[in-house]
Amino acid sequence: MSFDLAVWFESERVPVSEAVVTYERLCDGDLVGAGVDPSEAVAAFHRELTGRFPELSAAEGDGRAEASPWTAGLDVSVAHVIMPMSSGRAAGAAPEVVALAGRHGLVCFDPQAEVLHLPPALRGADGPSLQPCVGLKVEDADLDVIERAVHRLSEENWFLILERRSGHFLQVGHGPNAGLRTGGFAVEHRDGAPERHYRCVLNENDQVAALFADYASGASAWSVDARWDSLF
C-alpha cells in the first residue's frame, strides 16, 4: 500500500479544495490545468530529497534499496514532485519530506488526509498546530482540517491535540484508549498553568468538533454546554 505526498509552489495560501484539484490534475499529467508555475525551488527540493532518499531504481542498482522509501519512481517536473512511498516507511520519511518542502518554500499536500502543509512564509503568526494520533502534524491548521481530523477519530486513531503554544492546548481522547466506554470522548483544556487544566466528557463527535472550532478561532466562550472538572 502506498502513501503519497506532492510538492509544488504556491505564492499565497490556498484552500484545501483547490489543492485537491491541483493534485488530481498533476496526477493526470495536466500541468496547465493544475495551474502550478515552474520554480527553481522544486528542483532544489528534488536534489536534496533524492540525496536523502534515493530514487528506487538508483537504490536498487547499487544495493541500497533499504535506503529508499519509494514504491515507484517519483513523478517530477519543473513545477512539482509526487512521491509514492511505502506505508510502512511513511511514519519516518513523511515528516522529513514535509519539513524539507517547508525549508524550500513549497507546499506539501497529503491526499490521504486532504491536508495542505504550508511553508513558514504562508503560515499565520499564531496559528495552532494539530497533532493527530495517526498522520502528520499540521502547523497553522485551518478550521476545515481540524473538523475533518475530529471526525476521523476512531478506536485506532484515538487522540487529537490542538496546541497554541507550550502549556496551552485542547485535546481529546476517544473510547477505551482514553479510559471511556466505546463512543465516548474525553476532552481536556489547559490554559498555561497546571491549575488551569480541565476535563469534560462528551458523547457526540459534533460536540467535540464545535469545541475544537471554538478553540481554533479564539472564541471567548465554549459553544457546547459541558461540565468541566479541574484536573489540578
C-alpha atoms as a PDB file:
ATOM      1  CA  MET A   1       0.000   0.000   0.000  1.00  0.00           C
ATOM      2  CA  SER A   2       1.333   3.427  -0.955  1.00  0.00           C
ATOM      3  CA  PHE A   3       1.304   6.684   0.993  1.00  0.00           C
ATOM      4  CA  ASP A   4       1.644   9.653  -1.348  1.00  0.00           C
ATOM      5  CA  LEU A   5       2.801  13.247  -0.937  1.00  0.00           C
ATOM      6  CA  ALA A   6       3.016  16.011  -3.519  1.00  0.00           C
ATOM      7  CA  VAL A   7       5.053  19.215  -3.512  1.00  0.00           C
ATOM      8  CA  TRP A   8       4.707  22.383  -5.562  1.00  0.00           C
ATOM      9  CA  PHE A   9       4.982  26.174  -5.199  1.00  0.00           C
ATOM     10  CA  GLU A  10       2.157  28.490  -4.174  1.00  0.00           C
ATOM     11  CA  SER A  11       2.636  32.253  -3.851  1.00  0.00           C
ATOM     12  CA  GLU A  12      -0.225  32.546  -1.354  1.00  0.00           C
ATOM     13  CA  ARG A  13      -2.306  30.384   0.922  1.00  0.00           C
ATOM     14  CA  VAL A  14      -4.946  28.385  -0.960  1.00  0.00           C
ATOM     15  CA  PRO A  15      -7.912  26.374   0.348  1.00  0.00           C
ATOM     16  CA  VAL A  16      -7.632  22.616   0.593  1.00  0.00           C
ATOM     17  CA  SER A  17     -10.384  22.208  -2.006  1.00  0.00           C
ATOM     18  CA  GLU A  18      -8.148  23.981  -4.523  1.00  0.00           C
ATOM     19  CA  ALA A  19      -5.142  21.866  -3.519  1.00  0.00           C
ATOM     20  CA  VAL A  20      -7.187  18.699  -4.135  1.00  0.00           C
ATOM     21  CA  VAL A  21      -7.927  19.820  -7.723  1.00  0.00           C
ATOM     22  CA  THR A  22      -4.284  20.774  -8.295  1.00  0.00           C
ATOM     23  CA  TYR A  23      -3.122  17.383  -7.050  1.00  0.00           C
ATOM     24  CA  GLU A  24      -5.605  15.454  -9.189  1.00  0.00           C
ATOM     25  CA  ARG A  25      -4.549  17.339 -12.318  1.00  0.00           C
ATOM     26  CA  LEU A  26      -0.880  16.814 -11.534  1.00  0.00           C
ATOM     27  CA  CYS A  27      -1.571  13.097 -11.198  1.00  0.00           C
ATOM     28  CA  ASP A  28      -3.177  13.243 -14.651  1.00  0.00           C
ATOM     29  CA  GLY A  29      -0.097  14.987 -16.051  1.00  0.00           C
ATOM     30  CA  ASP A  30      -2.033  18.187 -16.709  1.00  0.00           C
ATOM     31  CA  LEU A  31       0.423  20.894 -15.623  1.00  0.00           C
ATOM     32  CA  VAL A  32      -1.513  23.619 -17.426  1.00  0.00           C
ATOM     33  CA  GLY A  33      -4.795  22.672 -15.792  1.00  0.00           C
ATOM     34  CA  ALA A  34      -3.098  22.359 -12.419  1.00  0.00           C
ATOM     35  CA  GLY A  35      -2.019  25.974 -12.659  1.00  0.00           C
ATOM     36  CA  VAL A  36       1.366  25.450 -10.998  1.00  0.00           C
ATOM     37  CA  ASP A  37       4.334  27.528 -12.068  1.00  0.00           C
ATOM     38  CA  PRO A  38       7.885  26.292 -12.668  1.00  0.00           C
ATOM     39  CA  SER A  39      10.101  27.006  -9.688  1.00  0.00           C
ATOM     40  CA  GLU A  40      13.804  26.600  -9.063  1.00  0.00           C
ATOM     41  CA  ALA A  41      12.815  25.672  -5.513  1.00  0.00           C
ATOM     42  CA  VAL A  42      11.235  22.463  -6.852  1.00  0.00           C
ATOM     43  CA  ALA A  43      14.491  21.382  -8.497  1.00  0.00           C
ATOM     44  CA  ALA A  44      16.448  22.234  -5.327  1.00  0.00           C
ATOM     45  CA  PHE A  45      13.943  20.265  -3.242  1.00  0.00           C
ATOM     46  CA  HIS A  46      14.230  17.268  -5.565  1.00  0.00           C
ATOM     47  CA  ARG A  47      18.032  17.289  -5.427  1.00  0.00           C
ATOM     48  CA  GLU A  48      18.076  17.368  -1.631  1.00  0.00           C
ATOM     49  CA  LEU A  49      15.248  14.839  -1.392  1.00  0.00           C
ATOM     50  CA  THR A  50      16.974  12.230  -3.568  1.00  0.00           C
ATOM     51  CA  GLY A  51      20.247  12.871  -1.768  1.00  0.00           C
ATOM     52  CA  ARG A  52      18.498  11.806   1.426  1.00  0.00           C
ATOM     53  CA  PHE A  53      16.130   9.226  -0.093  1.00  0.00           C
ATOM     54  CA  PRO A  54      17.491   7.931  -3.447  1.00  0.00           C
ATOM     55  CA  GLU A  55      15.197   7.079  -6.326  1.00  0.00           C
ATOM     56  CA  LEU A  56      14.142   3.432  -6.159  1.00  0.00           C
ATOM     57  CA  SER A  57      15.928   2.498  -9.405  1.00  0.00           C
ATOM     58  CA  ALA A  58      19.217   4.030  -8.240  1.00  0.00           C
ATOM     59  CA  ALA A  59      18.948   2.472  -4.793  1.00  0.00           C
ATOM     60  CA  GLU A  60      18.277  -0.985  -6.222  1.00  0.00           C
ATOM     61  CA  GLY A  61      21.122  -0.580  -8.699  1.00  0.00           C
ATOM     62  CA  ASP A  62      23.778  -0.047  -6.047  1.00  0.00           C
ATOM     63  CA  GLY A  63      22.346  -2.310  -3.356  1.00  0.00           C
ATOM     64  CA  ARG A  64      20.809   0.437  -1.201  1.00  0.00           C
ATOM     65  CA  ALA A  65      17.148  -0.469  -1.637  1.00  0.00           C
ATOM     66  CA  GLU A  66      16.611  -0.216   2.121  1.00  0.00           C
ATOM     67  CA  ALA A  67      17.574   3.489   1.931  1.00  0.00           C
ATOM     68  CA  SER A  68      14.665   4.317  -0.387  1.00  0.00           C
ATOM     69  CA  PRO A  69      11.099   4.607   0.978  1.00  0.00           C
ATOM     70  CA  TRP A  70       9.572   4.860  -2.504  1.00  0.00           C
ATOM     71  CA  THR A  71       7.315   2.217  -4.046  1.00  0.00           C
ATOM     72  CA  ALA A  72       7.810   3.547  -7.600  1.00  0.00           C
ATOM     73  CA  GLY A  73       9.630   6.262  -9.472  1.00  0.00           C
ATOM     74  CA  LEU A  74       8.995   9.858  -8.450  1.00  0.00           C
ATOM     75  CA  ASP A  75       6.746  11.937 -10.730  1.00  0.00           C
ATOM     76  CA  VAL A  76       8.880  15.043 -11.348  1.00  0.00           C
ATOM     77  CA  SER A  77       8.517  18.178 -13.474  1.00  0.00           C
ATOM     78  CA  VAL A  78       9.868  21.721 -13.295  1.00  0.00           C
ATOM     79  CA  ALA A  79       6.830  22.585 -11.177  1.00  0.00           C
ATOM     80  CA  HIS A  80       6.098  19.590  -8.931  1.00  0.00           C
ATOM     81  CA  VAL A  81       7.190  16.324  -7.343  1.00  0.00           C
ATOM     82  CA  ILE A  82       4.796  13.485  -6.458  1.00  0.00           C
ATOM     83  CA  MET A  83       6.231  10.856  -4.131  1.00  0.00           C
ATOM     84  CA  PRO A  84       4.700   7.373  -3.661  1.00  0.00           C
ATOM     85  CA  MET A  85       6.176   5.866  -0.518  1.00  0.00           C
ATOM     86  CA  SER A  86       5.666   2.625   1.327  1.00  0.00           C
ATOM     87  CA  SER A  87       3.048   2.979   4.068  1.00  0.00           C
ATOM     88  CA  GLY A  88       5.434   1.134   6.370  1.00  0.00           C
ATOM     89  CA  ARG A  89       8.114   3.788   5.800  1.00  0.00           C
ATOM     90  CA  ALA A  90       5.820   6.807   5.823  1.00  0.00           C
ATOM     91  CA  ALA A  91       5.974   7.430   9.576  1.00  0.00           C
ATOM     92  CA  GLY A  92       9.715   8.023   9.333  1.00  0.00           C
ATOM     93  CA  ALA A  93      10.060   9.568   5.878  1.00  0.00           C
ATOM     94  CA  ALA A  94       6.934  11.719   5.506  1.00  0.00           C
ATOM     95  CA  PRO A  95       7.749  14.225   8.293  1.00  0.00           C
ATOM     96  CA  GLU A  96      11.171  14.741   6.715  1.00  0.00           C
ATOM     97  CA  VAL A  97       9.570  15.379   3.329  1.00  0.00           C
ATOM     98  CA  VAL A  98       7.154  17.943   4.804  1.00  0.00           C
ATOM     99  CA  ALA A  99       9.975  19.703   6.659  1.00  0.00           C
ATOM    100  CA  LEU A 100      12.177  19.732   3.545  1.00  0.00           C
ATOM    101  CA  ALA A 101       9.372  21.209   1.441  1.00  0.00           C
ATOM    102  CA  GLY A 102       8.901  23.934   4.031  1.00  0.00           C
ATOM    103  CA  ARG A 103      12.600  24.798   4.009  1.00  0.00           C
ATOM    104  CA  HIS A 104      12.397  25.285   0.247  1.00  0.00           C
ATOM    105  CA  GLY A 105       9.274  27.434   0.497  1.00  0.00           C
ATOM    106  CA  LEU A 106       6.994  24.816  -1.068  1.00  0.00           C
ATOM    107  CA  VAL A 107       3.620  23.434  -0.050  1.00  0.00           C
ATOM    108  CA  CYS A 108       3.279  19.709   0.598  1.00  0.00           C
ATOM    109  CA  PHE A 109      -0.093  18.052   0.001  1.00  0.00           C
ATOM    110  CA  ASP A 110      -1.173  14.898   1.825  1.00  0.00           C
ATOM    111  CA  PRO A 111      -4.026  13.400  -0.249  1.00  0.00           C
ATOM    112  CA  GLN A 112      -4.748  10.694   2.315  1.00  0.00           C
ATOM    113  CA  ALA A 113      -5.865  13.227   4.953  1.00  0.00           C
ATOM    114  CA  GLU A 114      -6.562  16.070   2.486  1.00  0.00           C
ATOM    115  CA  VAL A 115      -4.139  18.358   4.332  1.00  0.00           C
ATOM    116  CA  LEU A 116      -2.000  21.066   2.747  1.00  0.00           C
ATOM    117  CA  HIS A 117       1.196  21.611   4.744  1.00  0.00           C
ATOM    118  CA  LEU A 118       2.332  25.205   4.377  1.00  0.00           C
ATOM    119  CA  PRO A 119       5.862  26.622   4.366  1.00  0.00           C
ATOM    120  CA  PRO A 120       6.626  29.137   7.149  1.00  0.00           C
ATOM    121  CA  ALA A 121       6.103  32.128   4.833  1.00  0.00           C
ATOM    122  CA  LEU A 122       2.431  31.191   4.291  1.00  0.00           C
ATOM    123  CA  ARG A 123       1.558  30.441   7.916  1.00  0.00           C
ATOM    124  CA  GLY A 124      -0.172  32.804  10.308  1.00  0.00           C
ATOM    125  CA  ALA A 125       1.822  34.242  13.175  1.00  0.00           C
ATOM    126  CA  ASP A 126      -0.135  32.453  15.906  1.00  0.00           C
ATOM    127  CA  GLY A 127      -1.930  29.614  14.125  1.00  0.00           C
ATOM    128  CA  PRO A 128      -2.440  26.432  16.182  1.00  0.00           C
ATOM    129  CA  SER A 129      -0.659  23.157  15.493  1.00  0.00           C
ATOM    130  CA  LEU A 130      -2.665  19.959  15.136  1.00  0.00           C
ATOM    131  CA  GLN A 131      -1.209  16.585  16.138  1.00  0.00           C
ATOM    132  CA  PRO A 132      -3.335  13.517  15.335  1.00  0.00           C
ATOM    133  CA  CYS A 133      -2.728  10.037  16.671  1.00  0.00           C
ATOM    134  CA  VAL A 134      -2.395   8.781  13.090  1.00  0.00           C
ATOM    135  CA  GLY A 135      -0.902  11.081  10.483  1.00  0.00           C
ATOM    136  CA  LEU A 136       1.329  14.114  10.221  1.00  0.00           C
ATOM    137  CA  LYS A 137       1.460  17.156  12.473  1.00  0.00           C
ATOM    138  CA  VAL A 138      -0.102  20.201  10.812  1.00  0.00           C
ATOM    139  CA  GLU A 139       1.226  23.696  11.536  1.00  0.00           C
ATOM    140  CA  ASP A 140      -1.271  26.575  11.400  1.00  0.00           C
ATOM    141  CA  ALA A 141      -4.179  24.196  10.830  1.00  0.00           C
ATOM    142  CA  ASP A 142      -7.341  25.765   9.408  1.00  0.00           C
ATOM    143  CA  LEU A 143     -10.880  25.011  10.545  1.00  0.00           C
ATOM    144  CA  ASP A 144     -11.662  22.561   7.721  1.00  0.00           C
ATOM    145  CA  VAL A 145      -8.579  20.465   8.504  1.00  0.00           C
ATOM    146  CA  ILE A 146      -9.385  20.498  12.221  1.00  0.00           C
ATOM    147  CA  GLU A 147     -13.002  19.466  11.666  1.00  0.00           C
ATOM    148  CA  ARG A 148     -12.028  16.591   9.371  1.00  0.00           C
ATOM    149  CA  ALA A 149      -9.457  15.399  11.904  1.00  0.00           C
ATOM    150  CA  VAL A 150     -12.074  15.339  14.665  1.00  0.00           C
ATOM    151  CA  HIS A 151     -14.479  13.345  12.501  1.00  0.00           C
ATOM    152  CA  ARG A 152     -11.720  10.831  11.719  1.00  0.00           C
ATOM    153  CA  LEU A 153     -11.332   9.869  15.382  1.00  0.00           C
ATOM    154  CA  SER A 154     -11.745   6.121  15.863  1.00  0.00           C
ATOM    155  CA  GLU A 155     -10.735   3.263  18.133  1.00  0.00           C
ATOM    156  CA  GLU A 156      -7.338   3.164  16.404  1.00  0.00           C
ATOM    157  CA  ASN A 157      -6.913   6.882  15.633  1.00  0.00           C
ATOM    158  CA  TRP A 158      -7.970   7.793  19.126  1.00  0.00           C
ATOM    159  CA  PHE A 159      -6.465  11.134  20.136  1.00  0.00           C
ATOM    160  CA  LEU A 160      -6.011  14.636  18.772  1.00  0.00           C
ATOM    161  CA  ILE A 161      -4.137  17.644  20.190  1.00  0.00           C
ATOM    162  CA  LEU A 162      -4.627  21.268  19.153  1.00  0.00           C
ATOM    163  CA  GLU A 163      -1.891  23.440  20.661  1.00  0.00           C
ATOM    164  CA  ARG A 164      -1.350  27.187  20.563  1.00  0.00           C
ATOM    165  CA  ARG A 165       1.908  27.211  22.496  1.00  0.00           C
ATOM    166  CA  SER A 166       3.535  25.200  25.259  1.00  0.00           C
ATOM    167  CA  GLY A 167       1.022  24.522  28.018  1.00  0.00           C
ATOM    168  CA  HIS A 168      -1.924  25.957  26.060  1.00  0.00           C
ATOM    169  CA  PHE A 169      -3.901  23.233  24.307  1.00  0.00           C
ATOM    170  CA  LEU A 170      -7.166  21.421  23.699  1.00  0.00           C
ATOM    171  CA  GLN A 171      -7.000  17.654  23.322  1.00  0.00           C
ATOM    172  CA  VAL A 172      -9.414  14.760  23.018  1.00  0.00           C
ATOM    173  CA  GLY A 173      -9.150  11.042  23.691  1.00  0.00           C
ATOM    174  CA  HIS A 174     -11.716   8.645  22.241  1.00  0.00           C
ATOM    175  CA  GLY A 175     -13.109   5.391  23.575  1.00  0.00           C
ATOM    176  CA  PRO A 176     -11.379   2.693  25.657  1.00  0.00           C
ATOM    177  CA  ASN A 177      -7.871   4.016  24.986  1.00  0.00           C
ATOM    178  CA  ALA A 178      -8.943   7.173  26.823  1.00  0.00           C
ATOM    179  CA  GLY A 179     -10.445   5.163  29.692  1.00  0.00           C
ATOM    180  CA  LEU A 180     -14.021   5.571  28.442  1.00  0.00           C
ATOM    181  CA  ARG A 181     -16.734   3.364  27.060  1.00  0.00           C
ATOM    182  CA  THR A 182     -16.839   2.872  23.318  1.00  0.00           C
ATOM    183  CA  GLY A 183     -18.045   6.070  21.665  1.00  0.00           C
ATOM    184  CA  GLY A 184     -17.144   8.456  24.494  1.00  0.00           C
ATOM    185  CA  PHE A 185     -14.852  11.488  24.202  1.00  0.00           C
ATOM    186  CA  ALA A 186     -12.650  12.857  26.990  1.00  0.00           C
ATOM    187  CA  VAL A 187     -11.756  16.477  26.215  1.00  0.00           C
ATOM    188  CA  GLU A 188      -9.038  18.321  28.139  1.00  0.00           C
ATOM    189  CA  HIS A 189      -8.239  22.018  28.063  1.00  0.00           C
ATOM    190  CA  ARG A 190      -5.188  23.641  29.609  1.00  0.00           C
ATOM    191  CA  ASP A 191      -4.551  27.357  29.676  1.00  0.00           C
ATOM    192  CA  GLY A 192      -0.929  27.566  30.755  1.00  0.00           C
ATOM    193  CA  ALA A 193      -0.555  26.845  34.458  1.00  0.00           C
ATOM    194  CA  PRO A 194      -1.251  23.353  35.873  1.00  0.00           C
ATOM    195  CA  GLU A 195      -4.126  24.705  37.980  1.00  0.00           C
ATOM    196  CA  ARG A 196      -5.864  25.786  34.759  1.00  0.00           C
ATOM    197  CA  HIS A 197      -6.245  22.257  33.406  1.00  0.00           C
ATOM    198  CA  TYR A 198      -9.812  20.977  32.973  1.00  0.00           C
ATOM    199  CA  ARG A 199     -11.625  17.928  31.597  1.00  0.00           C
ATOM    200  CA  CYS A 200     -15.099  17.128  30.338  1.00  0.00           C
ATOM    201  CA  VAL A 201     -16.687  14.002  28.853  1.00  0.00           C
ATOM    202  CA  LEU A 202     -18.878  14.210  25.764  1.00  0.00           C
ATOM    203  CA  ASN A 203     -20.911  11.689  23.816  1.00  0.00           C
ATOM    204  CA  GLU A 204     -21.092  13.229  20.332  1.00  0.00           C
ATOM    205  CA  ASN A 205     -18.417  13.822  17.731  1.00  0.00           C
ATOM    206  CA  ASP A 206     -20.116  17.055  16.609  1.00  0.00           C
ATOM    207  CA  GLN A 207     -19.778  18.450  20.137  1.00  0.00           C
ATOM    208  CA  VAL A 208     -16.052  17.783  20.069  1.00  0.00           C
ATOM    209  CA  ALA A 209     -15.765  19.405  16.631  1.00  0.00           C
ATOM    210  CA  ALA A 210     -17.548  22.510  17.942  1.00  0.00           C
ATOM    211  CA  LEU A 211     -15.135  22.806  20.884  1.00  0.00           C
ATOM    212  CA  PHE A 212     -12.120  22.453  18.624  1.00  0.00           C
ATOM    213  CA  ALA A 213     -13.552  25.113  16.293  1.00  0.00           C
ATOM    214  CA  ASP A 214     -14.084  27.428  19.281  1.00  0.00           C
ATOM    215  CA  TYR A 215     -10.504  26.962  20.418  1.00  0.00           C
ATOM    216  CA  ALA A 216      -9.023  27.401  16.948  1.00  0.00           C
ATOM    217  CA  SER A 217     -10.982  30.614  16.352  1.00  0.00           C
ATOM    218  CA  GLY A 218     -10.095  32.080  19.742  1.00  0.00           C
ATOM    219  CA  ALA A 219     -13.715  32.245  20.936  1.00  0.00           C
ATOM    220  CA  SER A 220     -14.121  33.682  24.423  1.00  0.00           C
ATOM    221  CA  ALA A 221     -16.733  31.077  25.448  1.00  0.00           C
ATOM    222  CA  TRP A 222     -17.470  27.456  24.601  1.00  0.00           C
ATOM    223  CA  SER A 223     -20.433  26.853  22.285  1.00  0.00           C
ATOM    224  CA  VAL A 224     -21.101  23.450  23.911  1.00  0.00           C
ATOM    225  CA  ASP A 225     -22.619  23.242  27.385  1.00  0.00           C
ATOM    226  CA  ALA A 226     -20.380  20.799  29.263  1.00  0.00           C
ATOM    227  CA  ARG A 227     -19.247  20.146  32.815  1.00  0.00           C
ATOM    228  CA  TRP A 228     -15.547  20.970  33.113  1.00  0.00           C
ATOM    229  CA  ASP A 229     -13.797  19.372  36.097  1.00  0.00           C
ATOM    230  CA  SER A 230     -10.427  20.602  37.327  1.00  0.00           C
ATOM    231  CA  LEU A 231      -7.532  18.155  36.986  1.00  0.00           C
ATOM    232  CA  PHE A 232      -5.286  20.139  39.368  1.00  0.00           C
END
